[in-house]
Amino acid sequence: MTPSPHATEATDAAAVTDERLEEMVRDACAAPSMHNAQPWAYVFHRRSGVLELLADAARTLPEEDPRRRALHLGCGAALFNLRVAAARAGLHAWVSPLPPATGGDVLAAVRLRAGEVEREAATLHPAVAERRTNRQPYEETRIPEVIREQLSRAATTERARLVFPGGWHYRMVLDVLADAEAGETTAHRAEEEAWLRAEEAAADGIPRTALGPRMREGEASVREFGERPDGPWADFEREPQLALLLTQRDEPADWLAAGQALQRVLLTATRAGLSAAPVTRALEHPSLRWLLRDPSEGPGHVQMVLRMGYGPSVPLSTGRRTPDEVLTYRD
C-alpha cells in the first residue's frame, strides 16, 4: 500500500488516545453497507495522528458491484459515522478524500483535531446505535413535508440531493425497480446468498432472521434474498414512499461523498422516528440506474434508492466487526 501524502500532516495526537480512537472506529463500523459486507479498514499513523480509511479488497462484490461504487458508499457511510463520533468526543474530523492516483485502496485521510466540532453531527450520535435497516412492511402514513425538508437538507449538507419522486417519475421509478427485481441473475443470487448468515451473532453479512417477509400484496420493492419456500408473507405498502439520493458527478470521490450524505440522511430519519431500507437491485444495472433519474431536474446520478416510512421496531442490529479486526496502528 502506498502511504497517504497526508500521513505527515500534524494533528492533535495527544487528544486521540487508543481508547478514544477505538470507540470512534466502533461507531464507524455501525454504518450500513451492501449485504453488510463492511468493506472498510483503518490505519492509524501514531507519529502524525492521521487515520486512513481503506477499502478492504477481500470484501468486494464483483458480480453486483464491479465498479466498487457500493463499496465506496459503504465506506462513506462509515466515514460519516466517524465524524459524528469525533464530534461527540470534542474533536473535529478533517477529511481529505484521496484520488486513486495515491495508490492502493486508501480512500481518505482523517486528521482528528481538538477545537471546533461539527455540532449538528454530534446531535446525531444517539442515532448511530439506533439506526436499523427495516425490511418489514411500513404504514401508509405519509412522511410530513417538514421531515422531508429536513432529510433533503441533510443530503445537501453533504453535497448531494435527496428527491422524493412524484407523478410520472414516481411511476417510472416503481416500474424500473420492479423490472430489476424480476431480472435477478444467477450470479447475483449466488453472491448475495454467500452473505446470508444462519447465526444472529455473525460478525458480518445478513442473518436470515433479519430478512423481511416476502411480499404478498403491495408495490414496495422487496429484495427476496434467494429461495425461501418456508418464509413468511405479508402485505406491503400500496404506495411506498421512495427517495432518490443523487450526486452531480459519478466518480469515486462522488460515491464516497454520497455515502456520507446517505448516512446523514439515515441518521436524521432515525432521529425523526422513520424506518428506511435501501433498494439497490436497479442500481446494479447501469441501464436501469440511468432510467431512475428525472431528466427535467437537470444532470445527476442516482446513487441510492431508499424506501422510507413508519415501520415496526427492529430490536436487533446485524453483527459488526470490532476495532481489533479493522484497525491497524503504525508508527
Protein backbone atom coordinates (compact mmCIF):
# COMPACT_ATOMS: atom_id res chain seq x y z
CA MET A 1 0.00 0.00 0.00
CA THR A 2 1.32 3.44 -0.90
CA PRO A 3 1.28 5.75 2.14
CA SER A 4 -1.06 8.70 2.04
CA PRO A 5 0.54 12.05 1.22
CA HIS A 6 -1.38 13.35 4.23
CA ALA A 7 0.33 10.95 6.62
CA THR A 8 2.96 13.56 7.55
CA GLU A 9 0.49 16.29 8.48
CA ALA A 10 0.46 17.03 12.19
CA THR A 11 -2.67 16.72 14.27
CA ASP A 12 -3.64 16.72 17.93
CA ALA A 13 -2.29 13.23 18.52
CA ALA A 14 -2.34 13.70 22.29
CA ALA A 15 -6.13 14.11 22.15
CA VAL A 16 -6.53 10.83 20.29
CA THR A 17 -5.86 8.06 22.77
CA ASP A 18 -6.10 4.44 21.67
CA GLU A 19 -9.24 4.02 23.73
CA ARG A 20 -10.92 7.07 22.22
CA LEU A 21 -9.90 6.10 18.69
CA GLU A 22 -11.28 2.58 19.12
CA GLU A 23 -14.59 3.99 20.38
CA MET A 24 -14.84 6.14 17.27
CA VAL A 25 -13.94 3.25 14.95
CA ARG A 26 -16.56 1.08 16.69
CA ASP A 27 -19.18 3.73 15.88
CA ALA A 28 -17.90 3.97 12.32
CA CYS A 29 -18.38 0.22 11.91
CA ALA A 30 -22.08 0.59 12.74
CA ALA A 31 -22.61 2.05 9.26
CA PRO A 32 -24.66 0.20 6.66
CA SER A 33 -23.04 -1.47 3.65
CA MET A 34 -24.31 -3.67 0.86
CA HIS A 35 -25.06 -7.13 2.30
CA ASN A 36 -23.37 -5.89 5.48
CA ALA A 37 -20.04 -6.77 3.87
CA GLN A 38 -18.34 -3.98 5.89
CA PRO A 39 -15.73 -3.25 3.18
CA TRP A 40 -13.56 -0.92 5.26
CA ALA A 41 -10.32 -0.93 7.20
CA TYR A 42 -8.39 1.75 9.10
CA VAL A 43 -4.73 2.54 9.61
CA PHE A 44 -3.72 5.00 12.34
CA HIS A 45 -0.30 6.64 11.97
CA ARG A 46 0.81 7.37 15.52
CA ARG A 47 3.52 9.85 14.58
CA SER A 48 1.28 12.13 12.55
CA GLY A 49 -2.02 11.20 14.19
CA VAL A 50 -3.63 10.65 10.78
CA LEU A 51 -6.27 7.96 10.41
CA GLU A 52 -6.58 6.46 6.94
CA LEU A 53 -9.75 4.84 5.62
CA LEU A 54 -9.09 1.96 3.25
CA ALA A 55 -11.26 -0.25 1.09
CA ASP A 56 -10.99 -3.89 2.13
CA ALA A 57 -10.43 -5.64 -1.19
CA ALA A 58 -11.36 -9.00 0.32
CA ARG A 59 -14.91 -7.74 0.89
CA THR A 60 -15.82 -6.64 -2.61
CA LEU A 61 -18.88 -7.84 -4.53
CA PRO A 62 -17.55 -8.46 -8.05
CA GLU A 63 -20.88 -9.53 -9.56
CA GLU A 64 -23.19 -6.93 -8.03
CA ASP A 65 -20.68 -4.11 -7.58
CA PRO A 66 -17.95 -4.49 -10.23
CA ARG A 67 -17.01 -0.78 -10.20
CA ARG A 68 -16.95 -0.75 -6.38
CA ARG A 69 -19.48 2.08 -6.29
CA ALA A 70 -21.47 0.44 -3.47
CA LEU A 71 -18.21 -0.23 -1.64
CA HIS A 72 -17.43 3.49 -1.70
CA LEU A 73 -20.94 4.29 -0.44
CA GLY A 74 -20.49 1.92 2.49
CA CYS A 75 -17.08 3.37 3.31
CA GLY A 76 -18.52 6.88 3.02
CA ALA A 77 -21.28 5.98 5.48
CA ALA A 78 -18.65 4.68 7.90
CA LEU A 79 -16.68 7.89 7.39
CA PHE A 80 -19.69 9.99 8.37
CA ASN A 81 -20.24 7.88 11.49
CA LEU A 82 -16.60 8.55 12.36
CA ARG A 83 -17.21 12.27 12.00
CA VAL A 84 -20.25 12.00 14.29
CA ALA A 85 -18.27 10.06 16.89
CA ALA A 86 -15.41 12.54 16.70
CA ALA A 87 -17.77 15.47 17.20
CA ARG A 88 -19.25 13.80 20.26
CA ALA A 89 -15.70 13.35 21.62
CA GLY A 90 -14.98 17.06 21.14
CA LEU A 91 -12.83 16.55 18.05
CA HIS A 92 -13.10 17.82 14.52
CA ALA A 93 -12.55 15.20 11.82
CA TRP A 94 -10.83 16.94 8.94
CA VAL A 95 -11.41 14.64 5.95
CA SER A 96 -9.24 14.64 2.83
CA PRO A 97 -10.59 12.30 0.15
CA LEU A 98 -7.75 10.78 -1.81
CA PRO A 99 -7.78 10.20 -5.58
CA PRO A 100 -6.99 6.72 -6.92
CA ALA A 101 -3.59 8.03 -8.06
CA THR A 102 -2.37 7.86 -4.45
CA GLY A 103 -2.18 4.10 -4.90
CA GLY A 104 -3.55 1.10 -3.08
CA ASP A 105 -7.01 1.18 -1.56
CA VAL A 106 -6.67 4.33 0.56
CA LEU A 107 -9.91 6.28 0.18
CA ALA A 108 -9.48 9.14 2.65
CA ALA A 109 -7.19 10.56 5.31
CA VAL A 110 -8.71 11.94 8.51
CA ARG A 111 -6.99 14.35 10.86
CA LEU A 112 -8.64 14.46 14.28
CA ARG A 113 -8.17 17.86 15.87
CA ALA A 114 -9.31 19.41 19.12
CA GLY A 115 -11.32 22.60 18.87
CA GLU A 116 -14.45 23.48 16.94
CA VAL A 117 -16.61 20.43 16.26
CA GLU A 118 -19.47 19.66 13.88
CA ARG A 119 -22.19 20.46 16.40
CA GLU A 120 -25.10 19.23 14.30
CA ALA A 121 -23.26 15.99 13.59
CA ALA A 122 -22.73 15.48 17.33
CA THR A 123 -26.50 15.61 17.92
CA LEU A 124 -26.89 12.60 15.62
CA HIS A 125 -24.70 10.34 17.75
CA PRO A 126 -27.57 8.51 19.58
CA ALA A 127 -28.98 7.53 16.18
CA VAL A 128 -25.76 5.70 15.26
CA ALA A 129 -26.67 2.81 17.58
CA GLU A 130 -30.41 3.10 16.94
CA ARG A 131 -30.37 3.01 13.13
CA ARG A 132 -31.55 -0.24 11.55
CA THR A 133 -32.31 -1.41 8.02
CA ASN A 134 -36.01 -2.21 8.29
CA ARG A 135 -37.19 -4.79 5.75
CA GLN A 136 -40.69 -5.05 7.22
CA PRO A 137 -43.89 -3.52 5.75
CA TYR A 138 -44.43 0.13 6.65
CA GLU A 139 -47.60 2.07 7.45
CA GLU A 140 -49.31 4.02 4.69
CA THR A 141 -48.89 7.21 6.77
CA ARG A 142 -47.24 9.90 4.69
CA ILE A 143 -43.99 11.46 5.82
CA PRO A 144 -44.73 15.10 6.78
CA GLU A 145 -43.30 17.73 4.47
CA VAL A 146 -41.28 19.29 7.28
CA ILE A 147 -39.43 16.00 7.80
CA ARG A 148 -38.89 15.57 4.07
CA GLU A 149 -37.29 19.00 4.07
CA GLN A 150 -35.03 18.01 6.96
CA LEU A 151 -33.90 14.93 5.06
CA SER A 152 -33.27 16.96 1.92
CA ARG A 153 -31.17 19.47 3.87
CA ALA A 154 -29.16 16.62 5.35
CA ALA A 155 -28.25 15.46 1.85
CA THR A 156 -27.47 18.98 0.65
CA THR A 157 -25.10 19.49 3.58
CA GLU A 158 -23.01 16.64 2.16
CA ARG A 159 -23.07 17.92 -1.45
CA ALA A 160 -25.83 15.58 -2.64
CA ARG A 161 -29.55 15.87 -3.42
CA LEU A 162 -32.45 13.87 -1.98
CA VAL A 163 -35.51 13.74 -4.22
CA PHE A 164 -38.94 12.30 -3.44
CA PRO A 165 -40.24 11.42 -6.90
CA GLY A 166 -43.84 12.19 -7.77
CA GLY A 167 -46.23 11.87 -10.70
CA TRP A 168 -44.92 10.10 -13.78
CA HIS A 169 -41.40 9.97 -12.30
CA TYR A 170 -42.68 8.03 -9.28
CA ARG A 171 -44.44 5.56 -11.54
CA MET A 172 -41.32 5.18 -13.67
CA VAL A 173 -39.16 4.50 -10.60
CA LEU A 174 -41.59 1.85 -9.35
CA ASP A 175 -41.56 0.13 -12.76
CA VAL A 176 -37.76 0.19 -13.00
CA LEU A 177 -37.40 -1.23 -9.50
CA ALA A 178 -39.89 -4.00 -10.29
CA ASP A 179 -38.05 -4.86 -13.53
CA ALA A 180 -34.77 -5.07 -11.61
CA GLU A 181 -36.18 -7.44 -9.00
CA ALA A 182 -37.62 -9.67 -11.72
CA GLY A 183 -34.34 -9.72 -13.65
CA GLU A 184 -32.02 -11.07 -10.95
CA THR A 185 -29.23 -13.17 -12.45
CA THR A 186 -27.95 -16.50 -11.17
CA ALA A 187 -24.55 -14.96 -10.46
CA HIS A 188 -26.08 -12.13 -8.45
CA ARG A 189 -28.19 -14.54 -6.45
CA ALA A 190 -25.16 -16.72 -5.64
CA GLU A 191 -23.22 -13.68 -4.43
CA GLU A 192 -25.98 -12.44 -2.14
CA GLU A 193 -26.52 -15.96 -0.80
CA ALA A 194 -22.85 -16.01 0.18
CA TRP A 195 -23.51 -13.09 2.57
CA LEU A 196 -26.52 -14.65 4.31
CA ARG A 197 -25.79 -15.96 7.78
CA ALA A 198 -27.55 -18.64 9.82
CA GLU A 199 -26.34 -17.20 13.14
CA GLU A 200 -27.66 -13.92 14.54
CA ALA A 201 -24.29 -13.33 16.22
CA ALA A 202 -22.31 -13.44 12.95
CA ALA A 203 -19.85 -10.54 12.70
CA ASP A 204 -20.82 -9.67 9.12
CA GLY A 205 -23.39 -10.49 6.46
CA ILE A 206 -27.16 -10.59 6.96
CA PRO A 207 -28.70 -13.04 9.46
CA ARG A 208 -31.63 -14.88 7.93
CA THR A 209 -33.69 -13.75 10.91
CA ALA A 210 -33.18 -10.14 9.78
CA LEU A 211 -34.77 -10.73 6.37
CA GLY A 212 -38.23 -9.28 5.97
CA PRO A 213 -41.25 -11.25 4.81
CA ARG A 214 -41.96 -11.86 1.15
CA MET A 215 -44.46 -9.50 -0.45
CA ARG A 216 -47.95 -10.88 -0.95
CA GLU A 217 -49.63 -7.59 -1.90
CA GLY A 218 -48.30 -4.08 -2.47
CA GLU A 219 -45.87 -2.20 -4.69
CA ALA A 220 -42.85 -1.92 -2.43
CA SER A 221 -39.62 -3.15 -3.94
CA VAL A 222 -38.56 -6.02 -1.67
CA ARG A 223 -35.37 -7.99 -2.20
CA GLU A 224 -36.11 -11.70 -1.99
CA PHE A 225 -32.61 -12.87 -0.96
CA GLY A 226 -32.86 -16.24 -2.65
CA GLU A 227 -35.41 -19.00 -2.42
CA ARG A 228 -37.30 -19.09 0.87
CA PRO A 229 -40.16 -21.55 0.39
CA ASP A 230 -40.97 -21.55 4.10
CA GLY A 231 -40.55 -17.82 4.60
CA PRO A 232 -43.41 -15.65 5.88
CA TRP A 233 -45.58 -13.50 3.61
CA ALA A 234 -47.05 -10.06 4.31
CA ASP A 235 -48.84 -7.17 2.65
CA PHE A 236 -46.58 -4.19 1.96
CA GLU A 237 -47.38 -0.57 1.13
CA ARG A 238 -49.69 0.15 -1.78
CA GLU A 239 -47.85 3.44 -2.34
CA PRO A 240 -44.33 3.04 -0.98
CA GLN A 241 -42.54 6.29 -0.20
CA LEU A 242 -39.29 6.45 -2.13
CA ALA A 243 -36.35 8.83 -2.01
CA LEU A 244 -33.51 9.08 -4.52
CA LEU A 245 -30.04 10.24 -3.49
CA LEU A 246 -28.16 11.93 -6.35
CA THR A 247 -24.76 13.48 -6.97
CA GLN A 248 -23.71 15.84 -9.75
CA ARG A 249 -20.88 13.60 -10.94
CA ASP A 250 -20.25 9.86 -10.86
CA GLU A 251 -16.63 9.31 -9.86
CA PRO A 252 -15.17 7.51 -6.81
CA ALA A 253 -14.92 10.78 -4.86
CA ASP A 254 -18.63 11.38 -5.55
CA TRP A 255 -19.51 7.88 -4.35
CA LEU A 256 -17.62 8.49 -1.12
CA ALA A 257 -19.45 11.80 -0.67
CA ALA A 258 -22.75 10.08 -1.44
CA GLY A 259 -22.07 7.56 1.31
CA GLN A 260 -21.60 10.37 3.81
CA ALA A 261 -24.80 12.02 2.58
CA LEU A 262 -26.65 8.73 2.79
CA GLN A 263 -25.65 8.20 6.40
CA ARG A 264 -26.52 11.75 7.41
CA VAL A 265 -29.96 11.21 5.85
CA LEU A 266 -30.40 7.84 7.57
CA LEU A 267 -29.39 9.17 10.99
CA THR A 268 -31.66 12.19 10.52
CA ALA A 269 -34.50 9.83 9.57
CA THR A 270 -33.82 7.64 12.62
CA ARG A 271 -33.93 10.67 14.90
CA ALA A 272 -37.31 11.59 13.34
CA GLY A 273 -38.74 8.13 14.04
CA LEU A 274 -38.62 6.93 10.43
CA SER A 275 -37.71 3.50 9.11
CA ALA A 276 -35.66 3.04 5.95
CA ALA A 277 -34.37 0.29 3.71
CA PRO A 278 -32.06 0.57 0.69
CA VAL A 279 -33.39 -0.58 -2.66
CA THR A 280 -30.29 -1.40 -4.67
CA ARG A 281 -31.05 -4.02 -7.32
CA ALA A 282 -31.71 -1.46 -10.08
CA LEU A 283 -28.51 0.37 -9.16
CA GLU A 284 -26.54 -2.77 -10.01
CA HIS A 285 -27.55 -2.46 -13.69
CA PRO A 286 -26.18 0.68 -15.45
CA SER A 287 -29.03 0.83 -17.96
CA LEU A 288 -31.71 0.67 -15.25
CA ARG A 289 -29.85 3.03 -12.94
CA TRP A 290 -29.86 5.69 -15.64
CA LEU A 291 -33.64 5.40 -16.02
CA LEU A 292 -34.23 6.25 -12.36
CA ARG A 293 -33.37 9.92 -12.73
CA ASP A 294 -35.76 12.69 -13.78
CA PRO A 295 -34.11 14.46 -16.76
CA SER A 296 -36.28 17.54 -16.20
CA GLU A 297 -34.40 18.22 -12.94
CA GLY A 298 -31.05 18.58 -14.68
CA PRO A 299 -27.95 16.40 -14.56
CA GLY A 300 -27.46 13.96 -11.76
CA HIS A 301 -26.57 10.37 -10.97
CA VAL A 302 -28.72 8.24 -8.69
CA GLN A 303 -26.51 6.69 -6.01
CA MET A 304 -29.17 5.20 -3.75
CA VAL A 305 -32.90 4.49 -3.62
CA LEU A 306 -34.49 4.41 -0.17
CA ARG A 307 -37.87 3.05 0.85
CA MET A 308 -38.91 5.17 3.82
CA GLY A 309 -41.84 5.36 6.17
CA TYR A 310 -43.12 4.34 9.58
CA GLY A 311 -42.35 0.71 10.30
CA PRO A 312 -42.24 -1.61 13.31
CA SER A 313 -39.22 -1.54 15.56
CA VAL A 314 -36.22 -3.69 14.70
CA PRO A 315 -34.75 -4.64 18.08
CA LEU A 316 -31.58 -6.41 16.93
CA SER A 317 -28.81 -4.93 14.82
CA THR A 318 -26.80 -7.02 12.39
CA GLY A 319 -23.32 -8.06 13.53
CA ARG A 320 -20.30 -5.82 13.22
CA ARG A 321 -16.57 -6.44 13.20
CA THR A 322 -14.68 -4.99 16.15
CA PRO A 323 -11.92 -2.36 16.11
CA ASP A 324 -9.43 -5.18 16.71
CA GLU A 325 -10.42 -6.61 13.33
CA VAL A 326 -10.45 -3.42 11.26
CA LEU A 327 -7.92 -1.07 12.89
CA THR A 328 -4.12 -1.22 12.48
CA TYR A 329 -1.56 1.00 14.19
CA ARG A 330 1.66 2.22 12.58
CA ASP A 331 4.46 4.40 13.87
